[in-house]
Amino acid sequence: MSKSSFRVRKIVTLAILAALGSALMWVEIPFIPPFKFDISDTAVIIAMVLYGPIGGIAVALNKSLVHIVIISAGDFGVGEMIAFV
């Protein structure tokens, strides 16, 4: 596989994982009453395992930005920024 083919495959895989993470943000599993388990971080973990910390950070950033644009109304994305950190 050529270097440019690997680069395209990496970008496409990271984009798919970011989209999957954004979609999984809608699913919240109740945990202890005031807390909810967010399964969207599994996409970030998969990206980190496959492509290292830079890939995981890219997926987490894209996932958080999409959630801020679509969901956040009045909190200016504070929860998403905390989840990103």
N, C-alpha and C. Protein backbone atom coordinates (compact mmCIF):
# COMPACT_ATOMS: atom_id res chain seq x y z
N MET A 1 0.85 -1.17 0.00
CA MET A 1 0.00 0.00 0.00
C MET A 1 0.90 1.24 0.00
N SER A 2 0.58 2.18 -0.87
CA SER A 2 1.41 3.38 -0.96
C SER A 2 1.14 4.32 0.22
N LYS A 3 2.05 5.26 0.38
CA LYS A 3 1.95 6.18 1.51
C LYS A 3 0.71 7.07 1.40
N SER A 4 0.39 7.52 0.19
CA SER A 4 -0.79 8.39 0.04
C SER A 4 -2.08 7.60 0.25
N SER A 5 -2.08 6.34 -0.13
CA SER A 5 -3.26 5.50 0.10
C SER A 5 -3.48 5.28 1.60
N PHE A 6 -2.39 5.09 2.34
CA PHE A 6 -2.50 4.93 3.79
C PHE A 6 -3.00 6.21 4.44
N ARG A 7 -2.54 7.35 3.96
CA ARG A 7 -2.97 8.64 4.51
C ARG A 7 -4.47 8.86 4.29
N VAL A 8 -4.95 8.55 3.10
CA VAL A 8 -6.38 8.69 2.81
C VAL A 8 -7.19 7.74 3.68
N ARG A 9 -6.71 6.52 3.82
CA ARG A 9 -7.42 5.54 4.66
C ARG A 9 -7.48 6.01 6.11
N LYS A 10 -6.40 6.60 6.60
CA LYS A 10 -6.37 7.11 7.98
C LYS A 10 -7.37 8.24 8.17
N ILE A 11 -7.41 9.18 7.23
CA ILE A 11 -8.33 10.31 7.33
C ILE A 11 -9.77 9.84 7.29
N VAL A 12 -10.07 8.91 6.40
CA VAL A 12 -11.44 8.40 6.28
C VAL A 12 -11.84 7.64 7.54
N THR A 13 -10.93 6.83 8.08
CA THR A 13 -11.23 6.08 9.30
C THR A 13 -11.48 7.02 10.48
N LEU A 14 -10.66 8.05 10.61
CA LEU A 14 -10.85 9.02 11.69
C LEU A 14 -12.16 9.78 11.53
N ALA A 15 -12.53 10.10 10.29
CA ALA A 15 -13.80 10.79 10.05
C ALA A 15 -14.99 9.90 10.41
N ILE A 16 -14.90 8.63 10.06
CA ILE A 16 -15.98 7.69 10.41
C ILE A 16 -16.09 7.54 11.92
N LEU A 17 -14.95 7.44 12.60
CA LEU A 17 -14.98 7.32 14.06
C LEU A 17 -15.53 8.59 14.72
N ALA A 18 -15.21 9.75 14.16
CA ALA A 18 -15.75 11.00 14.71
C ALA A 18 -17.26 11.06 14.51
N ALA A 19 -17.74 10.63 13.35
CA ALA A 19 -19.18 10.61 13.11
C ALA A 19 -19.87 9.60 14.02
N LEU A 20 -19.24 8.46 14.22
CA LEU A 20 -19.80 7.45 15.12
C LEU A 20 -19.84 7.97 16.55
N GLY A 21 -18.79 8.64 16.98
CA GLY A 21 -18.78 9.23 18.32
C GLY A 21 -19.84 10.30 18.48
N SER A 22 -20.05 11.10 17.44
CA SER A 22 -21.10 12.13 17.51
C SER A 22 -22.48 11.50 17.59
N ALA A 23 -22.69 10.43 16.85
CA ALA A 23 -23.99 9.75 16.90
C ALA A 23 -24.19 9.06 18.25
N LEU A 24 -23.12 8.50 18.81
CA LEU A 24 -23.25 7.81 20.09
C LEU A 24 -23.43 8.77 21.26
N MET A 25 -23.18 10.06 21.05
CA MET A 25 -23.41 11.03 22.12
C MET A 25 -24.89 11.14 22.47
N TRP A 26 -25.75 10.75 21.55
CA TRP A 26 -27.19 10.79 21.81
C TRP A 26 -27.61 9.69 22.76
N VAL A 27 -26.81 8.62 22.87
CA VAL A 27 -27.15 7.48 23.71
C VAL A 27 -26.53 7.69 25.09
N GLU A 28 -27.37 7.77 26.09
CA GLU A 28 -26.88 7.91 27.46
C GLU A 28 -27.44 6.77 28.29
N ILE A 29 -26.56 6.06 28.96
CA ILE A 29 -26.96 4.93 29.78
C ILE A 29 -27.00 5.40 31.23
N PRO A 30 -28.15 5.27 31.91
CA PRO A 30 -28.22 5.69 33.31
C PRO A 30 -27.26 4.88 34.18
N PHE A 31 -26.57 5.57 35.04
CA PHE A 31 -25.62 4.94 35.94
C PHE A 31 -26.14 5.19 37.35
N ILE A 32 -25.34 5.61 38.26
CA ILE A 32 -25.81 6.03 39.58
C ILE A 32 -26.69 7.27 39.35
N PRO A 33 -27.81 7.44 40.06
CA PRO A 33 -28.82 8.44 39.69
C PRO A 33 -28.37 9.79 39.15
N PRO A 34 -27.41 10.51 39.71
CA PRO A 34 -27.11 11.79 39.06
C PRO A 34 -26.18 11.67 37.86
N PHE A 35 -25.65 10.49 37.59
CA PHE A 35 -24.66 10.32 36.53
C PHE A 35 -25.22 9.52 35.36
N LYS A 36 -24.64 9.76 34.18
CA LYS A 36 -24.99 8.99 32.99
C LYS A 36 -23.69 8.54 32.33
N PHE A 37 -23.69 7.33 31.81
CA PHE A 37 -22.52 6.77 31.15
C PHE A 37 -22.58 7.12 29.67
N ASP A 38 -21.53 7.75 29.16
CA ASP A 38 -21.48 8.19 27.77
C ASP A 38 -20.63 7.20 26.97
N ILE A 39 -21.26 6.49 26.04
CA ILE A 39 -20.52 5.48 25.29
C ILE A 39 -19.84 6.05 24.05
N SER A 40 -19.94 7.35 23.83
CA SER A 40 -19.30 7.94 22.65
C SER A 40 -17.78 7.96 22.77
N ASP A 41 -17.27 7.82 23.97
CA ASP A 41 -15.82 7.81 24.15
C ASP A 41 -15.17 6.52 23.64
N THR A 42 -15.96 5.50 23.36
CA THR A 42 -15.39 4.28 22.80
C THR A 42 -14.79 4.55 21.42
N ALA A 43 -15.39 5.46 20.64
CA ALA A 43 -14.83 5.81 19.34
C ALA A 43 -13.47 6.50 19.51
N VAL A 44 -13.33 7.31 20.54
CA VAL A 44 -12.06 7.98 20.82
C VAL A 44 -11.00 6.95 21.22
N ILE A 45 -11.39 6.00 22.04
CA ILE A 45 -10.45 4.96 22.47
C ILE A 45 -9.99 4.12 21.29
N ILE A 46 -10.92 3.77 20.41
CA ILE A 46 -10.56 2.99 19.21
C ILE A 46 -9.59 3.79 18.34
N ALA A 47 -9.85 5.09 18.17
CA ALA A 47 -8.95 5.93 17.37
C ALA A 47 -7.57 6.01 18.01
N MET A 48 -7.51 6.07 19.34
CA MET A 48 -6.21 6.13 20.02
C MET A 48 -5.44 4.82 19.86
N VAL A 49 -6.15 3.71 19.91
CA VAL A 49 -5.49 2.42 19.74
C VAL A 49 -4.96 2.27 18.31
N LEU A 50 -5.76 2.68 17.33
CA LEU A 50 -5.37 2.51 15.93
C LEU A 50 -4.32 3.51 15.47
N TYR A 51 -4.47 4.79 15.86
CA TYR A 51 -3.64 5.85 15.28
C TYR A 51 -2.89 6.70 16.30
N GLY A 52 -2.88 6.30 17.55
CA GLY A 52 -2.12 7.02 18.56
C GLY A 52 -2.88 8.20 19.14
N PRO A 53 -2.20 8.97 19.99
CA PRO A 53 -2.88 10.07 20.69
C PRO A 53 -3.37 11.18 19.77
N ILE A 54 -2.67 11.44 18.69
CA ILE A 54 -3.11 12.50 17.77
C ILE A 54 -4.44 12.13 17.12
N GLY A 55 -4.59 10.89 16.72
CA GLY A 55 -5.86 10.44 16.15
C GLY A 55 -6.99 10.50 17.15
N GLY A 56 -6.71 10.11 18.39
CA GLY A 56 -7.73 10.17 19.44
C GLY A 56 -8.14 11.60 19.75
N ILE A 57 -7.17 12.50 19.79
CA ILE A 57 -7.49 13.91 20.05
C ILE A 57 -8.31 14.49 18.91
N ALA A 58 -7.97 14.12 17.67
CA ALA A 58 -8.73 14.62 16.52
C ALA A 58 -10.18 14.16 16.56
N VAL A 59 -10.39 12.89 16.90
CA VAL A 59 -11.76 12.36 16.99
C VAL A 59 -12.51 13.03 18.13
N ALA A 60 -11.87 13.17 19.29
CA ALA A 60 -12.53 13.81 20.44
C ALA A 60 -12.88 15.26 20.14
N LEU A 61 -11.98 15.98 19.49
CA LEU A 61 -12.24 17.38 19.16
C LEU A 61 -13.41 17.51 18.18
N ASN A 62 -13.40 16.69 17.13
CA ASN A 62 -14.49 16.75 16.15
C ASN A 62 -15.82 16.36 16.78
N LYS A 63 -15.80 15.34 17.62
CA LYS A 63 -17.01 14.88 18.29
C LYS A 63 -17.57 15.99 19.18
N SER A 64 -16.71 16.65 19.92
CA SER A 64 -17.16 17.72 20.81
C SER A 64 -17.66 18.94 20.04
N LEU A 65 -16.98 19.29 18.96
CA LEU A 65 -17.42 20.44 18.16
C LEU A 65 -18.78 20.20 17.53
N VAL A 66 -19.01 19.00 17.02
CA VAL A 66 -20.32 18.68 16.44
C VAL A 66 -21.39 18.75 17.52
N HIS A 67 -21.09 18.25 18.70
CA HIS A 67 -22.07 18.28 19.79
C HIS A 67 -22.35 19.71 20.24
N ILE A 68 -21.33 20.56 20.27
CA ILE A 68 -21.53 21.97 20.64
C ILE A 68 -22.43 22.67 19.63
N VAL A 69 -22.18 22.44 18.35
CA VAL A 69 -22.96 23.11 17.30
C VAL A 69 -24.41 22.63 17.29
N ILE A 70 -24.63 21.34 17.46
CA ILE A 70 -25.98 20.78 17.33
C ILE A 70 -26.77 20.85 18.62
N ILE A 71 -26.18 20.50 19.75
CA ILE A 71 -26.93 20.31 20.99
C ILE A 71 -26.89 21.53 21.91
N SER A 72 -25.73 22.08 22.16
CA SER A 72 -25.58 23.11 23.20
C SER A 72 -26.42 24.33 22.89
N ALA A 73 -27.21 24.72 23.87
CA ALA A 73 -28.09 25.87 23.67
C ALA A 73 -27.58 27.07 24.46
N GLY A 74 -27.54 26.96 25.79
CA GLY A 74 -27.23 28.12 26.59
C GLY A 74 -25.97 28.00 27.42
N ASP A 75 -25.33 26.86 27.42
CA ASP A 75 -24.17 26.70 28.31
C ASP A 75 -22.84 26.95 27.60
N PHE A 76 -22.88 27.38 26.36
CA PHE A 76 -21.68 27.71 25.58
C PHE A 76 -20.70 26.56 25.47
N GLY A 77 -21.18 25.33 25.55
CA GLY A 77 -20.33 24.16 25.36
C GLY A 77 -19.41 23.85 26.51
N VAL A 78 -19.75 24.28 27.71
CA VAL A 78 -18.88 24.05 28.87
C VAL A 78 -18.74 22.55 29.14
N GLY A 79 -19.83 21.82 29.10
CA GLY A 79 -19.79 20.38 29.35
C GLY A 79 -18.96 19.64 28.32
N GLU A 80 -19.07 20.05 27.07
CA GLU A 80 -18.29 19.40 26.01
C GLU A 80 -16.81 19.72 26.15
N MET A 81 -16.49 20.96 26.55
CA MET A 81 -15.08 21.31 26.75
C MET A 81 -14.49 20.51 27.91
N ILE A 82 -15.25 20.32 28.96
CA ILE A 82 -14.78 19.52 30.09
C ILE A 82 -14.62 18.07 29.67
N ALA A 83 -15.55 17.55 28.89
CA ALA A 83 -15.45 16.16 28.42
C ALA A 83 -14.25 15.99 27.49
N PHE A 84 -13.92 17.02 26.72
CA PHE A 84 -12.77 16.95 25.83
C PHE A 84 -11.47 16.88 26.59
N VAL A 85 -11.39 17.64 27.68
CA VAL A 85 -10.17 17.65 28.49
C VAL A 85 -10.07 16.34 29.21
